[in-house]
Protein backbone atom coordinates (compact mmCIF):
# COMPACT_ATOMS: atom_id res chain seq x y z
CA MET A 1 216.90 180.14 76.52
CA PRO A 2 214.53 181.96 75.26
CA ILE A 3 210.98 180.95 76.41
CA VAL A 4 209.44 180.67 73.18
CA ALA A 5 212.25 178.25 72.35
CA VAL A 6 210.79 175.74 75.12
CA LEU A 7 207.42 175.87 75.03
CA ILE A 8 207.01 175.32 71.26
CA PRO A 9 207.95 171.69 71.58
CA CYS A 10 206.45 170.98 74.39
CA LEU A 11 203.02 172.17 72.76
CA LEU A 12 204.13 169.95 69.78
CA ALA A 13 204.81 166.90 71.54
CA LEU A 14 201.00 167.41 72.73
CA GLY A 15 198.23 166.10 70.82
CA LEU A 16 194.71 167.40 71.03
CA ALA A 17 193.56 164.26 73.69
CA CYS A 18 196.41 166.21 76.13
CA LEU A 19 195.23 169.35 76.07
CA ALA A 20 193.38 170.74 78.67
CA PRO A 21 192.04 174.83 79.85
CA PRO A 22 194.71 176.72 81.42
CA ALA A 23 195.11 175.72 85.24
CA SER A 24 193.75 178.69 87.60
CA ALA A 25 194.79 178.53 90.84
CA ALA A 26 192.43 176.42 92.12
CA GLN A 27 193.54 173.75 89.62
CA GLN A 28 196.38 174.73 91.07
CA ALA A 29 195.78 173.72 94.29
CA GLY A 30 194.87 170.39 92.95
CA GLU A 31 190.96 171.07 91.81
CA ARG A 32 189.62 169.69 88.79
CA PRO A 33 189.40 172.06 85.79
CA ASP A 34 185.67 173.51 84.62
CA VAL A 35 186.40 171.20 81.42
CA HIS A 36 188.58 167.79 82.00
CA SER A 37 188.81 164.24 80.57
CA GLU A 38 188.28 162.47 83.88
CA PHE A 39 184.79 160.63 83.20
CA ALA A 40 184.07 156.97 83.17
CA PHE A 41 181.55 156.04 80.76
CA GLY A 42 178.65 153.79 81.01
CA SER A 43 175.12 152.37 79.18
CA PHE A 44 173.10 149.94 79.21
CA PRO A 45 172.81 148.07 77.41
CA TYR A 46 176.29 147.76 77.02
CA SER A 47 177.48 149.26 73.62
CA PRO A 48 181.01 148.79 73.22
CA GLU A 49 180.74 150.92 69.92
CA ALA A 50 179.33 154.10 72.27
CA ALA A 51 182.45 152.59 74.80
CA ALA A 52 185.04 153.23 71.90
CA LEU A 53 183.99 156.50 71.29
CA PHE A 54 184.66 157.77 74.43
CA GLU A 55 187.65 156.31 74.60
CA SER A 56 188.80 159.46 73.63
CA GLU A 57 190.22 162.09 76.39
CA VAL A 58 188.47 164.68 73.72
CA ALA A 59 185.37 163.45 73.70
CA ARG A 60 184.99 163.63 77.69
CA MET A 61 186.31 166.78 77.84
CA LEU A 62 183.71 167.90 74.83
CA VAL A 63 180.41 166.71 76.50
CA GLY A 64 181.84 167.65 79.89
CA ALA A 65 182.11 171.56 77.72
CA LEU A 66 178.70 171.29 76.68
CA ASP A 67 177.18 169.96 80.39
CA ARG A 68 179.01 173.40 81.45
CA GLY A 69 176.93 175.50 78.67
CA TRP A 70 180.67 175.59 76.27
CA SER A 71 179.98 177.11 72.56
CA LEU A 72 182.28 174.76 70.13
CA ASP A 73 184.20 177.95 69.67
CA LYS A 74 184.68 178.72 73.09
CA PHE A 75 186.00 174.80 73.62
CA LEU A 76 188.11 175.27 71.43
CA LYS A 77 189.70 178.83 71.94
CA GLU A 78 190.09 177.53 75.80
CA THR A 79 192.24 174.11 74.84
CA GLY A 80 193.44 175.02 71.72
CA GLY A 81 192.55 172.28 69.68
CA SER A 82 192.18 171.39 65.76
CA GLN A 83 188.82 172.61 64.97
CA LEU A 84 188.81 169.89 62.07
CA ASP A 85 189.53 167.19 64.73
CA ALA A 86 186.78 168.58 66.77
CA LEU A 87 184.34 168.78 64.03
CA THR A 88 184.59 165.21 63.17
CA LEU A 89 184.28 163.98 66.77
CA LEU A 90 181.23 166.42 67.80
CA ASP A 91 179.75 164.53 64.29
CA ASP A 92 180.25 161.21 65.31
CA LEU A 93 178.85 162.20 69.09
CA GLU A 94 175.56 163.67 67.05
CA GLN A 95 175.35 160.95 64.62
CA ALA A 96 175.04 158.54 67.93
CA ASN A 97 172.36 161.01 69.44
CA LEU A 98 174.85 161.74 72.14
CA VAL A 99 175.13 164.98 71.93
CA ARG A 100 171.78 166.85 70.78
CA GLY A 101 170.79 170.17 69.40
CA THR A 102 170.02 171.81 66.17
CA SER A 103 172.55 174.77 66.37
CA GLU A 104 175.61 176.05 68.13
CA TYR A 105 173.24 177.60 71.00
CA ASP A 106 171.19 174.85 71.58
CA ARG A 107 174.07 172.00 71.61
CA ARG A 108 173.93 170.09 74.53
CA PRO A 109 174.93 166.86 76.21
CA GLY A 110 173.07 163.48 74.49
CA LEU A 111 173.45 161.32 78.26
CA LEU A 112 173.54 161.97 81.67
CA LEU A 113 176.64 163.63 83.32
CA VAL A 114 177.04 163.06 87.40
CA ARG A 115 179.74 164.93 89.07
CA GLU A 116 181.54 164.07 91.53
CA SER A 117 180.33 166.02 94.21
CA GLU A 118 176.33 165.02 93.21
CA ALA A 119 177.60 160.89 93.13
CA GLN A 120 179.04 161.56 96.89
CA ALA A 121 176.30 163.38 97.62
CA LEU A 122 173.51 160.02 96.35
CA ARG A 123 175.78 157.69 98.05
CA PRO A 124 173.43 157.55 101.08
CA ASP A 125 170.93 157.07 99.22
CA LEU A 126 172.02 153.97 96.78
CA GLU A 127 174.14 152.11 99.88
CA ALA A 128 170.13 152.09 101.59
CA ASP A 129 168.27 150.64 98.28
CA ALA A 130 171.13 148.19 98.24
CA ALA A 131 170.82 147.39 102.05
CA GLU A 132 167.11 147.18 101.69
CA PHE A 133 167.59 144.70 98.24
CA VAL A 134 169.94 142.45 100.16
CA ARG A 135 167.31 142.20 103.32
CA ILE A 136 164.83 141.35 100.67
CA ILE A 137 166.81 138.76 98.89
CA GLY A 138 167.99 137.21 101.93
CA GLU A 139 164.52 137.31 103.20
CA HIS A 140 163.56 134.80 100.21
CA TRP A 141 166.73 133.16 100.21
CA GLU A 142 164.98 129.74 101.30
CA ASP A 143 163.37 130.23 96.87
CA VAL A 144 166.97 130.78 95.85
CA GLU A 145 168.04 127.73 96.71
CA ARG A 146 165.55 125.80 95.95
CA PHE A 147 165.73 126.68 92.13
CA VAL A 148 169.44 126.27 92.49
CA ALA A 149 168.82 122.56 93.53
CA SER A 150 165.96 122.27 90.79
CA LEU A 151 168.69 122.69 88.40
CA ASP A 152 170.33 120.18 86.10
CA ALA A 153 173.01 121.66 85.06
CA GLY A 154 175.45 123.75 87.26
CA GLN A 155 175.53 121.08 90.22
CA ASP A 156 179.07 120.58 90.13
CA LEU A 157 180.33 123.87 90.40
CA PRO A 158 181.04 125.85 93.09
CA ARG A 159 177.85 126.72 94.96
CA GLY A 160 178.82 130.30 94.89
CA GLN A 161 179.28 130.76 91.09
CA LEU A 162 176.51 128.76 90.57
CA PHE A 163 173.84 131.31 92.76
CA TYR A 164 175.82 134.83 91.62
CA THR A 165 174.88 133.04 87.73
CA ALA A 166 171.39 132.92 89.06
CA ILE A 167 171.27 136.02 91.06
CA VAL A 168 173.29 138.22 89.23
CA GLY A 169 172.37 136.68 86.00
CA GLY A 170 169.13 135.73 86.25
CA VAL A 171 167.69 138.44 88.44
CA LEU A 172 169.47 141.86 89.00
CA THR A 173 170.88 142.01 85.40
CA GLY A 174 167.81 139.34 83.96
CA GLY A 175 164.70 138.88 85.22
CA LEU A 176 164.15 142.88 86.83
CA VAL A 177 165.60 144.92 83.97
CA GLU A 178 162.75 142.94 82.06
CA ALA A 179 160.49 143.83 84.83
CA LEU A 180 161.31 147.55 84.70
CA ALA A 181 160.67 147.75 80.73
CA ASP A 182 157.68 146.30 81.17
CA ASP A 183 156.31 148.39 84.08
CA GLN A 184 157.74 151.43 82.15
CA THR A 185 157.19 154.29 85.10
CA LEU A 186 160.96 153.90 86.05
CA ILE A 187 162.98 152.27 83.20
CA PRO A 188 161.45 151.88 79.96
CA GLY A 189 163.18 151.17 76.64
CA PRO A 190 166.45 153.01 75.73
CA PRO A 191 166.42 155.70 73.64
CA ARG A 192 167.37 155.52 70.14
CA ARG A 193 171.02 156.29 68.99
CA ASN A 194 171.45 154.82 65.44
CA ARG A 195 171.71 151.46 64.05
CA GLU A 196 175.48 151.55 64.30
CA THR A 197 175.48 151.57 68.44
CA GLY A 198 171.76 150.28 69.05
CA ASN A 199 169.74 151.55 71.83
CA TYR A 200 170.83 152.47 75.18
CA TYR A 201 170.69 154.23 78.22
CA ALA A 202 174.09 156.21 78.78
CA TRP A 203 176.31 158.61 81.08
CA LEU A 204 179.14 160.21 82.26
CA VAL A 205 180.30 159.83 85.98
CA GLU A 206 183.43 162.62 86.72
CA SER A 207 185.97 160.18 88.67
CA SER A 208 189.68 159.66 88.33
CA GLY A 209 189.11 156.06 88.96
CA ARG A 210 185.87 154.15 89.61
CA ALA A 211 185.45 150.99 90.02
CA PRO A 212 183.84 148.94 87.15
CA LEU A 213 179.81 148.41 87.35
CA VAL A 214 178.35 144.63 87.39
CA GLY A 215 177.02 144.42 83.54
CA LYS A 216 176.32 141.24 81.46
CA GLN A 217 176.71 140.53 77.95
CA SER A 218 175.22 138.09 75.81
CA ASP A 219 175.43 136.61 72.10
CA ARG A 220 173.65 133.79 70.19
CA VAL A 221 175.20 130.70 69.80
CA GLY A 222 173.66 128.34 67.65
CA ALA A 223 170.40 127.05 69.71
CA TYR A 224 171.37 128.73 72.50
CA THR A 225 172.29 132.19 74.04
CA VAL A 226 175.24 132.68 75.78
CA TYR A 227 175.89 134.49 78.50
CA SER A 228 178.75 136.76 80.19
CA VAL A 229 178.09 138.31 84.04
CA GLY A 230 180.48 140.47 85.97
CA THR A 231 182.38 143.51 86.49
CA GLU A 232 184.85 143.16 83.19
CA ARG A 233 184.17 143.41 79.44
CA GLU A 234 184.90 140.56 76.92
CA ASP A 235 186.27 141.37 73.41
CA ASN A 236 184.02 138.25 72.03
CA VAL A 237 181.46 136.47 74.34
CA ARG A 238 180.88 133.63 71.76
CA ILE A 239 182.34 130.37 72.72
CA GLN A 240 181.78 126.62 71.52
CA ILE A 241 178.54 124.95 74.08
CA GLU A 242 180.61 121.89 74.67
CA GLU A 243 183.68 124.13 75.58
CA LEU A 244 182.09 126.11 77.94
CA ARG A 245 180.13 122.85 79.35
CA THR A 246 183.81 122.36 81.02
CA GLU A 247 183.58 125.90 83.00
CA GLY A 248 179.97 126.97 83.39
CA PRO A 249 176.37 125.76 83.29
CA VAL A 250 174.73 124.93 80.12
CA PHE A 251 170.79 125.19 80.40
CA GLU A 252 169.01 122.72 78.06
CA SER A 253 164.93 123.17 77.68
CA GLU A 254 163.73 122.22 81.19
CA ASP A 255 166.27 124.01 83.29
CA ALA A 256 166.03 126.94 80.41
CA GLY A 257 162.40 126.89 81.42
CA ARG A 258 162.44 127.07 85.34
CA TRP A 259 165.51 130.05 84.70
CA ARG A 260 162.76 132.04 83.20
CA VAL A 261 160.03 131.29 85.57
CA PHE A 262 162.15 131.72 88.59
CA SER A 263 164.13 135.05 87.30
CA SER A 264 160.86 136.83 86.65
CA VAL A 265 158.67 135.59 89.42
CA PHE A 266 161.29 136.41 91.91
CA SER A 267 161.84 139.57 90.66
CA ARG A 268 157.95 141.12 89.79
CA ASP A 269 156.78 139.30 93.38
CA TYR A 270 159.61 140.84 95.79
CA LEU A 271 162.00 143.48 94.08
CA LEU A 272 160.00 145.48 91.11
CA PRO A 273 157.74 146.68 94.45
CA TYR A 274 160.48 148.08 96.38
CA LEU A 275 161.94 149.96 93.54
CA LYS A 276 158.23 151.40 92.39
CA SER A 277 157.81 152.40 96.30
CA ARG A 278 160.95 154.51 96.04
CA ARG A 279 160.00 156.09 92.76
CA SER A 280 159.06 159.30 93.83
CA GLY A 281 162.72 159.74 95.94
CA LEU A 282 164.34 158.73 92.97
CA LEU A 283 162.49 161.22 90.85
CA ASP A 284 163.75 163.78 93.48
CA LEU A 285 167.23 162.42 93.48
CA HIS A 286 167.45 163.17 89.98
CA ARG A 287 166.40 166.56 90.47
CA ARG A 288 169.51 167.13 91.94
CA VAL A 289 171.95 166.09 89.18
CA ARG A 290 172.93 169.24 87.35
CA SER A 291 172.49 167.65 84.10
CA SER A 292 168.53 166.48 84.50
CA ARG A 293 167.60 169.91 82.44
CA TYR A 294 168.47 167.69 79.55
CA ALA A 295 168.73 164.01 80.80
CA ALA A 296 165.71 162.14 80.98
CA PHE A 297 164.61 161.04 84.50
CA ALA A 298 164.86 157.04 82.44
CA GLU A 299 168.24 158.05 81.94
CA PHE A 300 169.29 158.84 85.46
CA ALA A 301 167.19 155.69 86.78
CA ALA A 302 169.22 153.27 84.48
CA TRP A 303 172.54 154.83 85.98
CA TYR A 304 171.07 154.61 89.01
CA TYR A 305 170.27 150.99 89.08
CA GLN A 306 173.69 149.69 87.62
CA GLU A 307 175.05 151.62 90.65
CA LEU A 308 172.74 150.00 92.66
CA ALA A 309 172.96 146.23 91.61
CA THR A 310 176.81 146.89 91.67
CA LEU A 311 176.38 147.36 95.85
CA VAL A 312 173.78 144.67 96.06
CA VAL A 313 176.50 141.97 94.51
CA ASP A 314 178.76 143.74 97.01
CA GLY A 315 177.00 143.34 100.09
CA LEU A 316 175.60 139.22 99.24
CA VAL A 317 179.25 138.61 98.60
CA GLU A 318 179.83 139.96 101.82
CA ARG A 319 177.41 137.43 103.29
CA ASN A 320 178.75 134.67 101.40
CA ASP A 321 175.72 133.91 99.54
CA ILE A 322 177.85 134.22 96.60
CA ALA A 323 181.04 134.20 94.88
CA ALA A 324 182.35 136.88 92.84
CA PRO A 325 184.33 135.89 90.13
CA GLU A 326 187.78 137.29 89.38
CA SER A 327 186.21 138.87 85.92
CA SER A 328 183.02 137.12 84.76
CA TYR A 329 181.48 133.63 84.83
CA LYS A 330 179.62 132.36 81.50
CA TYR A 331 176.92 130.65 81.09
CA ALA A 332 174.06 129.55 78.34
CA ILE A 333 170.63 129.14 78.21
CA ARG A 334 168.74 126.70 75.54
CA THR A 335 166.52 129.33 73.71
CA ALA A 336 162.87 128.97 73.88
CA ARG A 337 161.01 127.70 70.38
């Protein structure tokens, strides 16, 4: 059978999302091609709209190609993709400010991109910072215990769940994030995107399968804000407050006041000073990442902090100070008047 007769049906069966640059000898040995789709998307705060954009393999390939300095013409030539589909996708990414530039020749990613080799090189620093965080939290664990004991809600819950909610929901994804935003030296307010996706930091990390990062989602329900904290995102955080009382704590006015004070004071007095002392070191780490030529330091710091917080949670779980959920824990806080 002629080789053309074999190739044509195969090519027709491949959608644009499955196309990749031709394999080189190095790729045949197991290395990734220069442009591929093996990236994990993340954002902070979490943006489901942006995450949906990067569910497309082509979107990840296209941004990876821009990071390599490819033009759109070269991307289409190398992948054999549809020009109309690529232009439509590119317009969506530009509208979300996830691709920047005013012409074919200065177009670049609008987010941080971390190659796997770079992430591996940063790992020792992340582990050292996480170990110091765990040490600081452990040094002040009596403060955490006094706070948890002062709460009216949640006392019938497993100890590990309530402490996870306090440390991860209250401090690592709450009070410390607010302290960093107020301080303005590491992670100020996130960059503007657009009305549909909101404002957020964003990144792509090269990997064939990364463990999810710890994060928090929220939604307003009447006089309360409902939170979900853990490593799995939920399609809908909303839940009736009375229903939530059967599975998680609902912090009424007095508890809510204690929560806000504890999460703020613990974060600003104990953890923020350490992060600020690391600023010059983090600036150096940022410069080691190739995408630092177009991605701001704050974008790098936001990604680094998310990775750091996840390692801190792992360390506290290992010490049996907190108990991680299978997916996430929910809790609610009455909104301050």
